[in-house]
């Protein structure tokens, strides 16, 4: 068993755990940062994202919504999506991917 304290996992995006059927990831964005310059998509993976702290604007498909601590969203496979920290403090999210979406050691600062 591998334990990770998510608030000590660093900044940017990082994969926490990967199995044959699923994967977990942590995304930490400072104010004004986004998950990418343009929307991304996972061809074979559904993503469930939960906001652990802070505030984000979620762009999922053609829809936009503000997400706050405790909010969750499901991003179906092949759906363009992007998350932007529009709040006044750091935002941290936890995601579960049903089928792994990234290499097990994926990390970005």
Foldseek 3Di string as FASTA:
>chain_A
DDDDDLVPPDAAKWWDDDDQFKTKMKHKDFAFDKNDPFWDFQQQKKKKKAKQAAKKWKCWAPDIDIHHHGDIDIHDGPITIMITRNTNGMIMMMMMIGGDRDPNGDDDD
